[in-house]
Amino acid sequence: MLDRREALTNRSKVLRWQASTLQALNLLTDDDIPQSMRLLLDAIDHLDVAAGGNLDQQVAA
């Protein structure tokens, strides 16, 4: 069974792959892609911070 840190790191890796796929599929006429990309990258950053922090304190909070 994965620990919390490993699960967050794995999810971050998957989302990074999806972000690069989204970027590759982006067309000049896709107006919603830039905003979606910013939200996706923010989500990845949140996962990375959660995976790097003291998880015992975060769970207790």
PDB file of N, CA and C in Angstrom:
ATOM      1  N   MET A   1       0.837  -1.174   0.000  1.00  0.00           N
ATOM      2  CA  MET A   1       0.000   0.000   0.000  1.00  0.00           C
ATOM      3  C   MET A   1       0.892   1.250   0.000  1.00  0.00           C
ATOM      4  N   LEU A   2       0.517   2.224  -0.800  1.00  0.00           N
ATOM      5  CA  LEU A   2       1.290   3.452  -0.896  1.00  0.00           C
ATOM      6  C   LEU A   2       1.093   4.323   0.338  1.00  0.00           C
ATOM      7  N   ASP A   3       2.182   4.968   0.755  1.00  0.00           N
ATOM      8  CA  ASP A   3       2.011   5.952   1.818  1.00  0.00           C
ATOM      9  C   ASP A   3       1.503   7.250   1.196  1.00  0.00           C
ATOM     10  N   ARG A   4       1.097   8.160   2.031  1.00  0.00           N
ATOM     11  CA  ARG A   4       0.480   9.406   1.555  1.00  0.00           C
ATOM     12  C   ARG A   4       1.432  10.217   0.673  1.00  0.00           C
ATOM     13  N   ARG A   5       2.697  10.336   1.084  1.00  0.00           N
ATOM     14  CA  ARG A   5       3.672  11.115   0.329  1.00  0.00           C
ATOM     15  C   ARG A   5       3.878  10.519  -1.068  1.00  0.00           C
ATOM     16  N   GLU A   6       4.002   9.209  -1.132  1.00  0.00           N
ATOM     17  CA  GLU A   6       4.198   8.537  -2.423  1.00  0.00           C
ATOM     18  C   GLU A   6       2.962   8.684  -3.312  1.00  0.00           C
ATOM     19  N   ALA A   7       1.783   8.593  -2.717  1.00  0.00           N
ATOM     20  CA  ALA A   7       0.551   8.748  -3.495  1.00  0.00           C
ATOM     21  C   ALA A   7       0.444  10.168  -4.067  1.00  0.00           C
ATOM     22  N   LEU A   8       0.777  11.178  -3.269  1.00  0.00           N
ATOM     23  CA  LEU A   8       0.733  12.558  -3.749  1.00  0.00           C
ATOM     24  C   LEU A   8       1.767  12.786  -4.858  1.00  0.00           C
ATOM     25  N   THR A   9       2.948  12.220  -4.692  1.00  0.00           N
ATOM     26  CA  THR A   9       3.997  12.358  -5.698  1.00  0.00           C
ATOM     27  C   THR A   9       3.583  11.673  -6.998  1.00  0.00           C
ATOM     28  N   ASN A  10       3.010  10.500  -6.894  1.00  0.00           N
ATOM     29  CA  ASN A  10       2.557   9.783  -8.091  1.00  0.00           C
ATOM     30  C   ASN A  10       1.468  10.560  -8.825  1.00  0.00           C
ATOM     31  N   ARG A  11       0.536  11.124  -8.083  1.00  0.00           N
ATOM     32  CA  ARG A  11      -0.544  11.898  -8.704  1.00  0.00           C
ATOM     33  C   ARG A  11       0.022  13.139  -9.383  1.00  0.00           C
ATOM     34  N   SER A  12       1.012  13.767  -8.763  1.00  0.00           N
ATOM     35  CA  SER A  12       1.659  14.931  -9.355  1.00  0.00           C
ATOM     36  C   SER A  12       2.319  14.564 -10.685  1.00  0.00           C
ATOM     37  N   LYS A  13       2.985  13.422 -10.730  1.00  0.00           N
ATOM     38  CA  LYS A  13       3.635  12.969 -11.968  1.00  0.00           C
ATOM     39  C   LYS A  13       2.607  12.739 -13.075  1.00  0.00           C
ATOM     40  N   VAL A  14       1.492  12.128 -12.724  1.00  0.00           N
ATOM     41  CA  VAL A  14       0.436  11.878 -13.710  1.00  0.00           C
ATOM     42  C   VAL A  14      -0.124  13.192 -14.243  1.00  0.00           C
ATOM     43  N   LEU A  15      -0.363  14.143 -13.352  1.00  0.00           N
ATOM     44  CA  LEU A  15      -0.896  15.437 -13.777  1.00  0.00           C
ATOM     45  C   LEU A  15       0.108  16.212 -14.627  1.00  0.00           C
ATOM     46  N   ARG A  16       1.398  16.078 -14.321  1.00  0.00           N
ATOM     47  CA  ARG A  16       2.415  16.729 -15.161  1.00  0.00           C
ATOM     48  C   ARG A  16       2.386  16.162 -16.581  1.00  0.00           C
ATOM     49  N   TRP A  17       2.233  14.846 -16.674  1.00  0.00           N
ATOM     50  CA  TRP A  17       2.134  14.209 -17.994  1.00  0.00           C
ATOM     51  C   TRP A  17       0.887  14.716 -18.719  1.00  0.00           C
ATOM     52  N   GLN A  18      -0.219  14.820 -18.014  1.00  0.00           N
ATOM     53  CA  GLN A  18      -1.446  15.307 -18.626  1.00  0.00           C
ATOM     54  C   GLN A  18      -1.317  16.770 -19.037  1.00  0.00           C
ATOM     55  N   ALA A  19      -0.590  17.561 -18.268  1.00  0.00           N
ATOM     56  CA  ALA A  19      -0.379  18.968 -18.627  1.00  0.00           C
ATOM     57  C   ALA A  19       0.422  19.074 -19.920  1.00  0.00           C
ATOM     58  N   SER A  20       1.437  18.243 -20.072  1.00  0.00           N
ATOM     59  CA  SER A  20       2.221  18.287 -21.309  1.00  0.00           C
ATOM     60  C   SER A  20       1.390  17.802 -22.491  1.00  0.00           C
ATOM     61  N   THR A  21       0.514  16.839 -22.262  1.00  0.00           N
ATOM     62  CA  THR A  21      -0.385  16.376 -23.320  1.00  0.00           C
ATOM     63  C   THR A  21      -1.361  17.478 -23.711  1.00  0.00           C
ATOM     64  N   LEU A  22      -1.916  18.157 -22.726  1.00  0.00           N
ATOM     65  CA  LEU A  22      -2.831  19.264 -22.978  1.00  0.00           C
ATOM     66  C   LEU A  22      -2.140  20.370 -23.763  1.00  0.00           C
ATOM     67  N   GLN A  23      -0.908  20.660 -23.411  1.00  0.00           N
ATOM     68  CA  GLN A  23      -0.156  21.686 -24.113  1.00  0.00           C
ATOM     69  C   GLN A  23       0.098  21.271 -25.560  1.00  0.00           C
ATOM     70  N   ALA A  24       0.391  20.002 -25.777  1.00  0.00           N
ATOM     71  CA  ALA A  24       0.659  19.510 -27.128  1.00  0.00           C
ATOM     72  C   ALA A  24      -0.589  19.564 -28.006  1.00  0.00           C
ATOM     73  N   LEU A  25      -1.753  19.402 -27.401  1.00  0.00           N
ATOM     74  CA  LEU A  25      -3.010  19.404 -28.157  1.00  0.00           C
ATOM     75  C   LEU A  25      -3.600  20.801 -28.325  1.00  0.00           C
ATOM     76  N   ASN A  26      -2.993  21.784 -27.704  1.00  0.00           N
ATOM     77  CA  ASN A  26      -3.496  23.152 -27.725  1.00  0.00           C
ATOM     78  C   ASN A  26      -3.474  23.722 -29.149  1.00  0.00           C
ATOM     79  N   LEU A  27      -4.584  24.306 -29.542  1.00  0.00           N
ATOM     80  CA  LEU A  27      -4.685  25.007 -30.815  1.00  0.00           C
ATOM     81  C   LEU A  27      -4.803  26.503 -30.540  1.00  0.00           C
ATOM     82  N   LEU A  28      -4.456  27.311 -31.498  1.00  0.00           N
ATOM     83  CA  LEU A  28      -4.545  28.761 -31.312  1.00  0.00           C
ATOM     84  C   LEU A  28      -5.974  29.217 -31.034  1.00  0.00           C
ATOM     85  N   THR A  29      -6.956  28.462 -31.489  1.00  0.00           N
ATOM     86  CA  THR A  29      -8.358  28.842 -31.291  1.00  0.00           C
ATOM     87  C   THR A  29      -8.930  28.352 -29.961  1.00  0.00           C
ATOM     88  N   ASP A  30      -8.152  27.629 -29.167  1.00  0.00           N
ATOM     89  CA  ASP A  30      -8.623  27.118 -27.883  1.00  0.00           C
ATOM     90  C   ASP A  30      -8.471  28.191 -26.805  1.00  0.00           C
ATOM     91  N   ASP A  31      -9.533  28.947 -26.596  1.00  0.00           N
ATOM     92  CA  ASP A  31      -9.475  30.053 -25.642  1.00  0.00           C
ATOM     93  C   ASP A  31      -9.424  29.593 -24.189  1.00  0.00           C
ATOM     94  N   ASP A  32      -9.996  28.426 -23.878  1.00  0.00           N
ATOM     95  CA  ASP A  32     -10.071  27.968 -22.495  1.00  0.00           C
ATOM     96  C   ASP A  32      -8.821  27.233 -22.027  1.00  0.00           C
ATOM     97  N   ILE A  33      -7.964  26.825 -22.935  1.00  0.00           N
ATOM     98  CA  ILE A  33      -6.794  26.034 -22.568  1.00  0.00           C
ATOM     99  C   ILE A  33      -5.836  26.795 -21.642  1.00  0.00           C
ATOM    100  N   PRO A  34      -5.495  28.057 -21.906  1.00  0.00           N
ATOM    101  CA  PRO A  34      -4.554  28.738 -21.001  1.00  0.00           C
ATOM    102  C   PRO A  34      -5.049  28.796 -19.552  1.00  0.00           C
ATOM    103  N   GLN A  35      -6.314  29.109 -19.349  1.00  0.00           N
ATOM    104  CA  GLN A  35      -6.858  29.146 -17.987  1.00  0.00           C
ATOM    105  C   GLN A  35      -6.852  27.742 -17.379  1.00  0.00           C
ATOM    106  N   SER A  36      -7.225  26.759 -18.160  1.00  0.00           N
ATOM    107  CA  SER A  36      -7.220  25.377 -17.674  1.00  0.00           C
ATOM    108  C   SER A  36      -5.810  24.941 -17.310  1.00  0.00           C
ATOM    109  N   MET A  37      -4.843  25.339 -18.112  1.00  0.00           N
ATOM    110  CA  MET A  37      -3.452  24.982 -17.839  1.00  0.00           C
ATOM    111  C   MET A  37      -2.977  25.621 -16.539  1.00  0.00           C
ATOM    112  N   ARG A  38      -3.339  26.874 -16.304  1.00  0.00           N
ATOM    113  CA  ARG A  38      -2.953  27.540 -15.051  1.00  0.00           C
ATOM    114  C   ARG A  38      -3.554  26.818 -13.845  1.00  0.00           C
ATOM    115  N   LEU A  39      -4.816  26.431 -13.951  1.00  0.00           N
ATOM    116  CA  LEU A  39      -5.459  25.717 -12.849  1.00  0.00           C
ATOM    117  C   LEU A  39      -4.813  24.353 -12.619  1.00  0.00           C
ATOM    118  N   LEU A  40      -4.492  23.669 -13.698  1.00  0.00           N
ATOM    119  CA  LEU A  40      -3.853  22.364 -13.587  1.00  0.00           C
ATOM    120  C   LEU A  40      -2.465  22.495 -12.959  1.00  0.00           C
ATOM    121  N   LEU A  41      -1.696  23.488 -13.379  1.00  0.00           N
ATOM    122  CA  LEU A  41      -0.358  23.690 -12.806  1.00  0.00           C
ATOM    123  C   LEU A  41      -0.446  24.102 -11.337  1.00  0.00           C
ATOM    124  N   ASP A  42      -1.468  24.866 -10.975  1.00  0.00           N
ATOM    125  CA  ASP A  42      -1.687  25.203  -9.557  1.00  0.00           C
ATOM    126  C   ASP A  42      -1.971  23.944  -8.741  1.00  0.00           C
ATOM    127  N   ALA A  43      -2.787  23.071  -9.287  1.00  0.00           N
ATOM    128  CA  ALA A  43      -3.103  21.814  -8.598  1.00  0.00           C
ATOM    129  C   ALA A  43      -1.842  20.972  -8.413  1.00  0.00           C
ATOM    130  N   ILE A  44      -0.998  20.931  -9.428  1.00  0.00           N
ATOM    131  CA  ILE A  44       0.257  20.185  -9.333  1.00  0.00           C
ATOM    132  C   ILE A  44       1.142  20.790  -8.244  1.00  0.00           C
ATOM    133  N   ASP A  45       1.213  22.115  -8.200  1.00  0.00           N
ATOM    134  CA  ASP A  45       2.011  22.781  -7.163  1.00  0.00           C
ATOM    135  C   ASP A  45       1.494  22.444  -5.764  1.00  0.00           C
ATOM    136  N   HIS A  46       0.189  22.419  -5.592  1.00  0.00           N
ATOM    137  CA  HIS A  46      -0.395  22.084  -4.290  1.00  0.00           C
ATOM    138  C   HIS A  46      -0.034  20.651  -3.896  1.00  0.00           C
ATOM    139  N   LEU A  47      -0.077  19.742  -4.848  1.00  0.00           N
ATOM    140  CA  LEU A  47       0.305  18.358  -4.557  1.00  0.00           C
ATOM    141  C   LEU A  47       1.770  18.264  -4.167  1.00  0.00           C
ATOM    142  N   ASP A  48       2.618  18.985  -4.887  1.00  0.00           N
ATOM    143  CA  ASP A  48       4.048  18.955  -4.588  1.00  0.00           C
ATOM    144  C   ASP A  48       4.339  19.508  -3.194  1.00  0.00           C
ATOM    145  N   VAL A  49       3.661  20.590  -2.826  1.00  0.00           N
ATOM    146  CA  VAL A  49       3.841  21.169  -1.491  1.00  0.00           C
ATOM    147  C   VAL A  49       3.356  20.187  -0.432  1.00  0.00           C
ATOM    148  N   ALA A  50       2.207  19.582  -0.667  1.00  0.00           N
ATOM    149  CA  ALA A  50       1.669  18.623   0.301  1.00  0.00           C
ATOM    150  C   ALA A  50       2.582  17.411   0.440  1.00  0.00           C
ATOM    151  N   ALA A  51       3.176  16.969  -0.646  1.00  0.00           N
ATOM    152  CA  ALA A  51       4.060  15.805  -0.602  1.00  0.00           C
ATOM    153  C   ALA A  51       5.393  16.131   0.067  1.00  0.00           C
ATOM    154  N   GLY A  52       5.807  17.388   0.002  1.00  0.00           N
ATOM    155  CA  GLY A  52       7.096  17.764   0.557  1.00  0.00           C
ATOM    156  C   GLY A  52       7.060  18.221   1.994  1.00  0.00           C
ATOM    157  N   GLY A  53       5.881  18.524   2.498  1.00  0.00           N
ATOM    158  CA  GLY A  53       5.766  19.048   3.856  1.00  0.00           C
ATOM    159  C   GLY A  53       5.715  17.958   4.898  1.00  0.00           C
ATOM    160  N   ASN A  54       5.551  18.375   6.134  1.00  0.00           N
ATOM    161  CA  ASN A  54       5.416  17.447   7.241  1.00  0.00           C
ATOM    162  C   ASN A  54       3.972  16.940   7.253  1.00  0.00           C
ATOM    163  N   LEU A  55       3.780  15.754   6.720  1.00  0.00           N
ATOM    164  CA  LEU A  55       2.430  15.228   6.528  1.00  0.00           C
ATOM    165  C   LEU A  55       1.733  14.920   7.859  1.00  0.00           C
ATOM    166  N   ASP A  56       2.493  14.571   8.888  1.00  0.00           N
ATOM    167  CA  ASP A  56       1.867  14.279  10.184  1.00  0.00           C
ATOM    168  C   ASP A  56       1.172  15.503  10.746  1.00  0.00           C
ATOM    169  N   GLN A  57       1.785  16.679  10.597  1.00  0.00           N
ATOM    170  CA  GLN A  57       1.175  17.903  11.081  1.00  0.00           C
ATOM    171  C   GLN A  57      -0.025  18.304  10.228  1.00  0.00           C
ATOM    172  N   GLN A  58       0.052  18.063   8.916  1.00  0.00           N
ATOM    173  CA  GLN A  58      -1.057  18.429   8.020  1.00  0.00           C
ATOM    174  C   GLN A  58      -2.286  17.572   8.299  1.00  0.00           C
ATOM    175  N   VAL A  59      -2.079  16.292   8.583  1.00  0.00           N
ATOM    176  CA  VAL A  59      -3.203  15.397   8.853  1.00  0.00           C
ATOM    177  C   VAL A  59      -3.865  15.778  10.173  1.00  0.00           C
ATOM    178  N   ALA A  60      -3.071  16.178  11.151  1.00  0.00           N
ATOM    179  CA  ALA A  60      -3.612  16.543  12.454  1.00  0.00           C
ATOM    180  C   ALA A  60      -4.387  17.847  12.421  1.00  0.00           C
ATOM    181  N   ALA A  61      -4.082  18.714  11.465  1.00  0.00           N
ATOM    182  CA  ALA A  61      -4.724  20.030  11.403  1.00  0.00           C
ATOM    183  C   ALA A  61      -6.151  19.980  10.944  1.00  0.00           C
TER     184      ALA A  61
END
